[in-house]
Amino acid sequence: MNDTAVHPVDERLPTPRLAALGLQHVLVMYAGAIAVPLIVGRALKLTPEQVALLISADLFACGIVTLIQSFGVT
Protein backbone atom coordinates (compact mmCIF):
# COMPACT_ATOMS: atom_id res chain seq x y z
CA MET A 1 0.00 0.00 0.00
CA ASN A 2 1.21 3.51 -0.78
CA ASP A 3 2.22 5.44 2.38
CA THR A 4 1.78 8.82 0.68
CA ALA A 5 -1.89 8.21 -0.15
CA VAL A 6 -4.20 10.82 1.34
CA HIS A 7 -7.36 9.68 3.08
CA PRO A 8 -10.52 11.13 1.46
CA VAL A 9 -11.31 13.00 4.67
CA ASP A 10 -7.93 14.76 4.56
CA GLU A 11 -7.76 15.56 0.86
CA ARG A 12 -7.74 19.18 -0.31
CA LEU A 13 -10.73 20.11 -2.47
CA PRO A 14 -10.44 22.38 -5.52
CA THR A 15 -10.74 26.07 -4.57
CA PRO A 16 -14.11 26.77 -6.27
CA ARG A 17 -15.75 23.79 -4.56
CA LEU A 18 -14.10 24.68 -1.26
CA ALA A 19 -15.44 28.24 -1.51
CA ALA A 20 -18.96 27.05 -2.35
CA LEU A 21 -19.02 24.61 0.55
CA GLY A 22 -17.61 27.26 2.89
CA LEU A 23 -20.30 29.75 1.88
CA GLN A 24 -22.98 27.09 2.36
CA HIS A 25 -21.64 26.35 5.84
CA VAL A 26 -21.64 30.03 6.83
CA LEU A 27 -25.21 30.58 5.59
CA VAL A 28 -26.54 27.54 7.45
CA MET A 29 -24.65 28.47 10.61
CA TYR A 30 -25.86 32.07 10.44
CA ALA A 31 -29.52 31.04 10.05
CA GLY A 32 -29.28 28.67 13.00
CA ALA A 33 -27.43 31.19 15.15
CA ILE A 34 -30.03 33.90 14.49
CA ALA A 35 -33.12 31.71 14.94
CA VAL A 36 -32.47 30.74 18.56
CA PRO A 37 -32.04 34.28 19.97
CA LEU A 38 -35.09 35.45 18.02
CA ILE A 39 -37.25 32.65 19.44
CA VAL A 40 -35.91 33.01 22.98
CA GLY A 41 -36.12 36.81 22.88
CA ARG A 42 -39.73 36.73 21.75
CA ALA A 43 -40.65 34.09 24.36
CA LEU A 44 -39.10 36.24 27.09
CA LYS A 45 -40.82 39.36 25.70
CA LEU A 46 -37.52 41.22 25.36
CA THR A 47 -37.28 44.62 23.70
CA PRO A 48 -35.88 44.78 20.14
CA GLU A 49 -32.66 46.29 21.53
CA GLN A 50 -32.25 43.39 23.94
CA VAL A 51 -32.90 40.87 21.17
CA ALA A 52 -30.29 42.62 19.00
CA LEU A 53 -27.79 42.37 21.87
CA LEU A 54 -28.66 38.70 22.32
CA ILE A 55 -28.07 38.06 18.60
CA SER A 56 -24.75 39.93 18.72
CA ALA A 57 -23.61 37.94 21.75
CA ASP A 58 -24.62 34.69 20.04
CA LEU A 59 -22.71 35.54 16.84
CA PHE A 60 -19.67 36.57 18.91
CA ALA A 61 -19.75 33.26 20.79
CA CYS A 62 -20.10 31.36 17.50
CA GLY A 63 -17.04 33.18 16.17
CA ILE A 64 -14.96 32.37 19.26
CA VAL A 65 -15.97 28.70 19.12
CA THR A 66 -15.15 28.56 15.39
CA LEU A 67 -11.65 29.89 16.09
CA ILE A 68 -11.15 27.41 18.93
CA GLN A 69 -12.24 24.53 16.68
CA SER A 70 -10.08 25.75 13.77
CA PHE A 71 -6.87 26.23 15.72
CA GLY A 72 -7.46 23.60 18.38
CA VAL A 73 -7.01 24.00 22.09
CA THR A 74 -3.76 22.04 22.33
PDB file of N, CA and C in Angstrom:
ATOM      1  N   MET A   1       0.833  -1.179   0.000  1.00  0.00           N
ATOM      2  CA  MET A   1       0.000   0.000   0.000  1.00  0.00           C
ATOM      3  C   MET A   1       0.879   1.244   0.000  1.00  0.00           C
ATOM      4  N   ASN A   2       0.456   2.277  -0.641  1.00  0.00           N
ATOM      5  CA  ASN A   2       1.212   3.512  -0.779  1.00  0.00           C
ATOM      6  C   ASN A   2       1.097   4.328   0.507  1.00  0.00           C
ATOM      7  N   ASP A   3       2.237   4.676   1.131  1.00  0.00           N
ATOM      8  CA  ASP A   3       2.225   5.439   2.377  1.00  0.00           C
ATOM      9  C   ASP A   3       1.898   6.908   2.161  1.00  0.00           C
ATOM     10  N   THR A   4       2.047   7.402   0.942  1.00  0.00           N
ATOM     11  CA  THR A   4       1.780   8.820   0.678  1.00  0.00           C
ATOM     12  C   THR A   4       0.333   9.077   0.269  1.00  0.00           C
ATOM     13  N   ALA A   5      -0.487   8.046   0.229  1.00  0.00           N
ATOM     14  CA  ALA A   5      -1.893   8.213  -0.155  1.00  0.00           C
ATOM     15  C   ALA A   5      -2.607   9.055   0.909  1.00  0.00           C
ATOM     16  N   VAL A   6      -3.460   9.944   0.437  1.00  0.00           N
ATOM     17  CA  VAL A   6      -4.204  10.825   1.340  1.00  0.00           C
ATOM     18  C   VAL A   6      -5.600  10.253   1.529  1.00  0.00           C
ATOM     19  N   HIS A   7      -6.011  10.160   2.767  1.00  0.00           N
ATOM     20  CA  HIS A   7      -7.362   9.675   3.076  1.00  0.00           C
ATOM     21  C   HIS A   7      -8.374  10.670   2.523  1.00  0.00           C
ATOM     22  N   PRO A   8      -9.525  10.201   2.024  1.00  0.00           N
ATOM     23  CA  PRO A   8     -10.521  11.127   1.456  1.00  0.00           C
ATOM     24  C   PRO A   8     -10.955  12.234   2.421  1.00  0.00           C
ATOM     25  N   VAL A   9     -10.929  11.977   3.699  1.00  0.00           N
ATOM     26  CA  VAL A   9     -11.310  13.003   4.670  1.00  0.00           C
ATOM     27  C   VAL A   9     -10.283  14.127   4.712  1.00  0.00           C
ATOM     28  N   ASP A  10      -9.020  13.794   4.459  1.00  0.00           N
ATOM     29  CA  ASP A  10      -7.935  14.764   4.564  1.00  0.00           C
ATOM     30  C   ASP A  10      -7.537  15.399   3.238  1.00  0.00           C
ATOM     31  N   GLU A  11      -8.166  15.009   2.148  1.00  0.00           N
ATOM     32  CA  GLU A  11      -7.757  15.561   0.863  1.00  0.00           C
ATOM     33  C   GLU A  11      -8.183  17.026   0.728  1.00  0.00           C
ATOM     34  N   ARG A  12      -7.450  17.766  -0.069  1.00  0.00           N
ATOM     35  CA  ARG A  12      -7.742  19.183  -0.309  1.00  0.00           C
ATOM     36  C   ARG A  12      -8.626  19.293  -1.537  1.00  0.00           C
ATOM     37  N   LEU A  13      -9.790  19.928  -1.360  1.00  0.00           N
ATOM     38  CA  LEU A  13     -10.729  20.107  -2.472  1.00  0.00           C
ATOM     39  C   LEU A  13     -10.275  21.244  -3.373  1.00  0.00           C
ATOM     40  N   PRO A  14     -10.739  21.255  -4.626  1.00  0.00           N
ATOM     41  CA  PRO A  14     -10.441  22.381  -5.520  1.00  0.00           C
ATOM     42  C   PRO A  14     -11.021  23.675  -4.926  1.00  0.00           C
ATOM     43  N   THR A  15     -10.360  24.785  -5.172  1.00  0.00           N
ATOM     44  CA  THR A  15     -10.738  26.067  -4.572  1.00  0.00           C
ATOM     45  C   THR A  15     -12.182  26.477  -4.847  1.00  0.00           C
ATOM     46  N   PRO A  16     -12.715  26.369  -6.063  1.00  0.00           N
ATOM     47  CA  PRO A  16     -14.113  26.769  -6.269  1.00  0.00           C
ATOM     48  C   PRO A  16     -15.100  25.938  -5.436  1.00  0.00           C
ATOM     49  N   ARG A  17     -14.862  24.655  -5.366  1.00  0.00           N
ATOM     50  CA  ARG A  17     -15.751  23.793  -4.561  1.00  0.00           C
ATOM     51  C   ARG A  17     -15.589  24.096  -3.075  1.00  0.00           C
ATOM     52  N   LEU A  18     -14.363  24.338  -2.657  1.00  0.00           N
ATOM     53  CA  LEU A  18     -14.098  24.681  -1.262  1.00  0.00           C
ATOM     54  C   LEU A  18     -14.793  25.982  -0.880  1.00  0.00           C
ATOM     55  N   ALA A  19     -14.778  26.968  -1.770  1.00  0.00           N
ATOM     56  CA  ALA A  19     -15.439  28.245  -1.507  1.00  0.00           C
ATOM     57  C   ALA A  19     -16.955  28.074  -1.444  1.00  0.00           C
ATOM     58  N   ALA A  20     -17.514  27.275  -2.346  1.00  0.00           N
ATOM     59  CA  ALA A  20     -18.959  27.049  -2.349  1.00  0.00           C
ATOM     60  C   ALA A  20     -19.408  26.332  -1.080  1.00  0.00           C
ATOM     61  N   LEU A  21     -18.670  25.328  -0.669  1.00  0.00           N
ATOM     62  CA  LEU A  21     -19.022  24.608   0.554  1.00  0.00           C
ATOM     63  C   LEU A  21     -18.835  25.485   1.786  1.00  0.00           C
ATOM     64  N   GLY A  22     -17.818  26.331   1.776  1.00  0.00           N
ATOM     65  CA  GLY A  22     -17.611  27.258   2.889  1.00  0.00           C
ATOM     66  C   GLY A  22     -18.741  28.263   3.004  1.00  0.00           C
ATOM     67  N   LEU A  23     -19.185  28.803   1.875  1.00  0.00           N
ATOM     68  CA  LEU A  23     -20.304  29.745   1.883  1.00  0.00           C
ATOM     69  C   LEU A  23     -21.578  29.061   2.368  1.00  0.00           C
ATOM     70  N   GLN A  24     -21.808  27.845   1.918  1.00  0.00           N
ATOM     71  CA  GLN A  24     -22.978  27.090   2.358  1.00  0.00           C
ATOM     72  C   GLN A  24     -22.937  26.891   3.876  1.00  0.00           C
ATOM     73  N   HIS A  25     -21.789  26.560   4.399  1.00  0.00           N
ATOM     74  CA  HIS A  25     -21.639  26.352   5.843  1.00  0.00           C
ATOM     75  C   HIS A  25     -21.931  27.638   6.612  1.00  0.00           C
ATOM     76  N   VAL A  26     -21.418  28.751   6.148  1.00  0.00           N
ATOM     77  CA  VAL A  26     -21.635  30.031   6.830  1.00  0.00           C
ATOM     78  C   VAL A  26     -23.116  30.416   6.807  1.00  0.00           C
ATOM     79  N   LEU A  27     -23.793  30.229   5.680  1.00  0.00           N
ATOM     80  CA  LEU A  27     -25.209  30.579   5.594  1.00  0.00           C
ATOM     81  C   LEU A  27     -26.065  29.714   6.506  1.00  0.00           C
ATOM     82  N   VAL A  28     -25.782  28.429   6.564  1.00  0.00           N
ATOM     83  CA  VAL A  28     -26.542  27.537   7.445  1.00  0.00           C
ATOM     84  C   VAL A  28     -26.258  27.872   8.903  1.00  0.00           C
ATOM     85  N   MET A  29     -25.004  28.130   9.236  1.00  0.00           N
ATOM     86  CA  MET A  29     -24.650  28.467  10.610  1.00  0.00           C
ATOM     87  C   MET A  29     -25.301  29.775  11.027  1.00  0.00           C
ATOM     88  N   TYR A  30     -25.307  30.748  10.125  1.00  0.00           N
ATOM     89  CA  TYR A  30     -25.864  32.066  10.443  1.00  0.00           C
ATOM     90  C   TYR A  30     -27.365  31.963  10.696  1.00  0.00           C
ATOM     91  N   ALA A  31     -28.068  31.200   9.869  1.00  0.00           N
ATOM     92  CA  ALA A  31     -29.516  31.037  10.046  1.00  0.00           C
ATOM     93  C   ALA A  31     -29.827  30.371  11.380  1.00  0.00           C
ATOM     94  N   GLY A  32     -29.067  29.352  11.727  1.00  0.00           N
ATOM     95  CA  GLY A  32     -29.276  28.672  13.001  1.00  0.00           C
ATOM     96  C   GLY A  32     -28.908  29.530  14.191  1.00  0.00           C
ATOM     97  N   ALA A  33     -27.870  30.329  14.043  1.00  0.00           N
ATOM     98  CA  ALA A  33     -27.428  31.186  15.146  1.00  0.00           C
ATOM     99  C   ALA A  33     -28.389  32.344  15.382  1.00  0.00           C
ATOM    100  N   ILE A  34     -29.081  32.787  14.356  1.00  0.00           N
ATOM    101  CA  ILE A  34     -30.026  33.900  14.488  1.00  0.00           C
ATOM    102  C   ILE A  34     -31.380  33.407  14.993  1.00  0.00           C
ATOM    103  N   ALA A  35     -31.787  32.213  14.592  1.00  0.00           N
ATOM    104  CA  ALA A  35     -33.119  31.715  14.940  1.00  0.00           C
ATOM    105  C   ALA A  35     -33.303  31.553  16.450  1.00  0.00           C
ATOM    106  N   VAL A  36     -32.321  31.008  17.121  1.00  0.00           N
ATOM    107  CA  VAL A  36     -32.466  30.739  18.560  1.00  0.00           C
ATOM    108  C   VAL A  36     -32.646  32.025  19.362  1.00  0.00           C
ATOM    109  N   PRO A  37     -31.796  33.049  19.199  1.00  0.00           N
ATOM    110  CA  PRO A  37     -32.035  34.279  19.971  1.00  0.00           C
ATOM    111  C   PRO A  37     -33.371  34.959  19.633  1.00  0.00           C
ATOM    112  N   LEU A  38     -33.801  34.857  18.373  1.00  0.00           N
ATOM    113  CA  LEU A  38     -35.090  35.445  18.019  1.00  0.00           C
ATOM    114  C   LEU A  38     -36.240  34.738  18.735  1.00  0.00           C
ATOM    115  N   ILE A  39     -36.195  33.427  18.770  1.00  0.00           N
ATOM    116  CA  ILE A  39     -37.249  32.654  19.435  1.00  0.00           C
ATOM    117  C   ILE A  39     -37.220  32.881  20.942  1.00  0.00           C
ATOM    118  N   VAL A  40     -36.037  32.822  21.529  1.00  0.00           N
ATOM    119  CA  VAL A  40     -35.915  33.013  22.979  1.00  0.00           C
ATOM    120  C   VAL A  40     -36.283  34.441  23.361  1.00  0.00           C
ATOM    121  N   GLY A  41     -35.818  35.405  22.582  1.00  0.00           N
ATOM    122  CA  GLY A  41     -36.119  36.807  22.878  1.00  0.00           C
ATOM    123  C   GLY A  41     -37.605  37.094  22.827  1.00  0.00           C
ATOM    124  N   ARG A  42     -38.286  36.520  21.853  1.00  0.00           N
ATOM    125  CA  ARG A  42     -39.732  36.725  21.745  1.00  0.00           C
ATOM    126  C   ARG A  42     -40.462  36.019  22.887  1.00  0.00           C
ATOM    127  N   ALA A  43     -40.005  34.820  23.267  1.00  0.00           N
ATOM    128  CA  ALA A  43     -40.649  34.087  24.358  1.00  0.00           C
ATOM    129  C   ALA A  43     -40.481  34.815  25.689  1.00  0.00           C
ATOM    130  N   LEU A  44     -39.345  35.492  25.859  1.00  0.00           N
ATOM    131  CA  LEU A  44     -39.099  36.238  27.094  1.00  0.00           C
ATOM    132  C   LEU A  44     -39.633  37.664  27.042  1.00  0.00           C
ATOM    133  N   LYS A  45     -40.260  38.028  25.910  1.00  0.00           N
ATOM    134  CA  LYS A  45     -40.818  39.361  25.699  1.00  0.00           C
ATOM    135  C   LYS A  45     -39.762  40.468  25.895  1.00  0.00           C
ATOM    136  N   LEU A  46     -38.590  40.238  25.284  1.00  0.00           N
ATOM    137  CA  LEU A  46     -37.518  41.219  25.356  1.00  0.00           C
ATOM    138  C   LEU A  46     -37.781  42.348  24.362  1.00  0.00           C
ATOM    139  N   THR A  47     -37.178  43.497  24.625  1.00  0.00           N
ATOM    140  CA  THR A  47     -37.285  44.615  23.695  1.00  0.00           C
ATOM    141  C   THR A  47     -36.434  44.316  22.457  1.00  0.00           C
ATOM    142  N   PRO A  48     -36.701  45.002  21.347  1.00  0.00           N
ATOM    143  CA  PRO A  48     -35.883  44.777  20.144  1.00  0.00           C
ATOM    144  C   PRO A  48     -34.391  45.041  20.380  1.00  0.00           C
ATOM    145  N   GLU A  49     -34.069  46.011  21.225  1.00  0.00           N
ATOM    146  CA  GLU A  49     -32.662  46.294  21.529  1.00  0.00           C
ATOM    147  C   GLU A  49     -32.023  45.130  22.276  1.00  0.00           C
ATOM    148  N   GLN A  50     -32.777  44.533  23.190  1.00  0.00           N
ATOM    149  CA  GLN A  50     -32.248  43.391  23.937  1.00  0.00           C
ATOM    150  C   GLN A  50     -32.079  42.168  23.036  1.00  0.00           C
ATOM    151  N   VAL A  51     -33.013  41.985  22.117  1.00  0.00           N
ATOM    152  CA  VAL A  51     -32.898  40.868  21.170  1.00  0.00           C
ATOM    153  C   VAL A  51     -31.682  41.081  20.265  1.00  0.00           C
ATOM    154  N   ALA A  52     -31.466  42.315  19.831  1.00  0.00           N
ATOM    155  CA  ALA A  52     -30.287  42.616  18.999  1.00  0.00           C
ATOM    156  C   ALA A  52     -29.001  42.326  19.763  1.00  0.00           C
ATOM    157  N   LEU A  53     -28.965  42.669  21.036  1.00  0.00           N
ATOM    158  CA  LEU A  53     -27.794  42.375  21.871  1.00  0.00           C
ATOM    159  C   LEU A  53     -27.614  40.872  22.027  1.00  0.00           C
ATOM    160  N   LEU A  54     -28.715  40.155  22.196  1.00  0.00           N
ATOM    161  CA  LEU A  54     -28.663  38.700  22.318  1.00  0.00           C
ATOM    162  C   LEU A  54     -28.126  38.066  21.037  1.00  0.00           C
ATOM    163  N   ILE A  55     -28.561  38.562  19.889  1.00  0.00           N
ATOM    164  CA  ILE A  55     -28.070  38.058  18.600  1.00  0.00           C
ATOM    165  C   ILE A  55     -26.578  38.356  18.448  1.00  0.00           C
ATOM    166  N   SER A  56     -26.174  39.557  18.817  1.00  0.00           N
ATOM    167  CA  SER A  56     -24.754  39.925  18.720  1.00  0.00           C
ATOM    168  C   SER A  56     -23.893  39.043  19.614  1.00  0.00           C
ATOM    169  N   ALA A  57     -24.363  38.803  20.828  1.00  0.00           N
ATOM    170  CA  ALA A  57     -23.611  37.941  21.746  1.00  0.00           C
ATOM    171  C   ALA A  57     -23.526  36.515  21.203  1.00  0.00           C
ATOM    172  N   ASP A  58     -24.603  36.038  20.607  1.00  0.00           N
ATOM    173  CA  ASP A  58     -24.617  34.694  20.035  1.00  0.00           C
ATOM    174  C   ASP A  58     -23.637  34.584  18.869  1.00  0.00           C
ATOM    175  N   LEU A  59     -23.639  35.566  17.972  1.00  0.00           N
ATOM    176  CA  LEU A  59     -22.707  35.539  16.840  1.00  0.00           C
ATOM    177  C   LEU A  59     -21.255  35.655  17.311  1.00  0.00           C
ATOM    178  N   PHE A  60     -21.025  36.455  18.342  1.00  0.00           N
ATOM    179  CA  PHE A  60     -19.672  36.571  18.907  1.00  0.00           C
ATOM    180  C   PHE A  60     -19.217  35.234  19.472  1.00  0.00           C
ATOM    181  N   ALA A  61     -20.098  34.568  20.223  1.00  0.00           N
ATOM    182  CA  ALA A  61     -19.755  33.262  20.793  1.00  0.00           C
ATOM    183  C   ALA A  61     -19.512  32.235  19.685  1.00  0.00           C
ATOM    184  N   CYS A  62     -20.309  32.274  18.633  1.00  0.00           N
ATOM    185  CA  CYS A  62     -20.100  31.363  17.498  1.00  0.00           C
ATOM    186  C   CYS A  62     -18.734  31.601  16.855  1.00  0.00           C
ATOM    187  N   GLY A  63     -18.344  32.860  16.740  1.00  0.00           N
ATOM    188  CA  GLY A  63     -17.039  33.177  16.171  1.00  0.00           C
ATOM    189  C   GLY A  63     -15.894  32.675  17.026  1.00  0.00           C
ATOM    190  N   ILE A  64     -16.008  32.854  18.337  1.00  0.00           N
ATOM    191  CA  ILE A  64     -14.961  32.372  19.255  1.00  0.00           C
ATOM    192  C   ILE A  64     -14.850  30.849  19.181  1.00  0.00           C
ATOM    193  N   VAL A  65     -15.986  30.165  19.190  1.00  0.00           N
ATOM    194  CA  VAL A  65     -15.972  28.704  19.121  1.00  0.00           C
ATOM    195  C   VAL A  65     -15.403  28.229  17.786  1.00  0.00           C
ATOM    196  N   THR A  66     -15.713  28.925  16.696  1.00  0.00           N
ATOM    197  CA  THR A  66     -15.154  28.559  15.394  1.00  0.00           C
ATOM    198  C   THR A  66     -13.632  28.663  15.408  1.00  0.00           C
ATOM    199  N   LEU A  67     -13.116  29.744  15.999  1.00  0.00           N
ATOM    200  CA  LEU A  67     -11.653  29.887  16.093  1.00  0.00           C
ATOM    201  C   LEU A  67     -11.030  28.799  16.950  1.00  0.00           C
ATOM    202  N   ILE A  68     -11.672  28.468  18.060  1.00  0.00           N
ATOM    203  CA  ILE A  68     -11.150  27.408  18.930  1.00  0.00           C
ATOM    204  C   ILE A  68     -11.130  26.083  18.175  1.00  0.00           C
ATOM    205  N   GLN A  69     -12.204  25.785  17.432  1.00  0.00           N
ATOM    206  CA  GLN A  69     -12.241  24.534  16.683  1.00  0.00           C
ATOM    207  C   GLN A  69     -11.223  24.528  15.537  1.00  0.00           C
ATOM    208  N   SER A  70     -11.013  25.682  14.907  1.00  0.00           N
ATOM    209  CA  SER A  70     -10.078  25.748  13.771  1.00  0.00           C
ATOM    210  C   SER A  70      -8.643  25.571  14.210  1.00  0.00           C
ATOM    211  N   PHE A  71      -8.269  26.262  15.276  1.00  0.00           N
ATOM    212  CA  PHE A  71      -6.871  26.226  15.719  1.00  0.00           C
ATOM    213  C   PHE A  71      -6.599  25.112  16.717  1.00  0.00           C
ATOM    214  N   GLY A  72      -7.626  24.648  17.374  1.00  0.00           N
ATOM    215  CA  GLY A  72      -7.460  23.600  18.377  1.00  0.00           C
ATOM    216  C   GLY A  72      -7.015  24.184  19.697  1.00  0.00           C
ATOM    217  N   VAL A  73      -7.353  23.504  20.751  1.00  0.00           N
ATOM    218  CA  VAL A  73      -7.006  23.995  22.090  1.00  0.00           C
ATOM    219  C   VAL A  73      -5.568  23.634  22.433  1.00  0.00           C
ATOM    220  N   THR A  74      -5.123  22.474  21.995  1.00  0.00           N
ATOM    221  CA  THR A  74      -3.757  22.039  22.332  1.00  0.00           C
ATOM    222  C   THR A  74      -2.882  21.970  21.113  1.00  0.00           C
TER     223      THR A  74
END
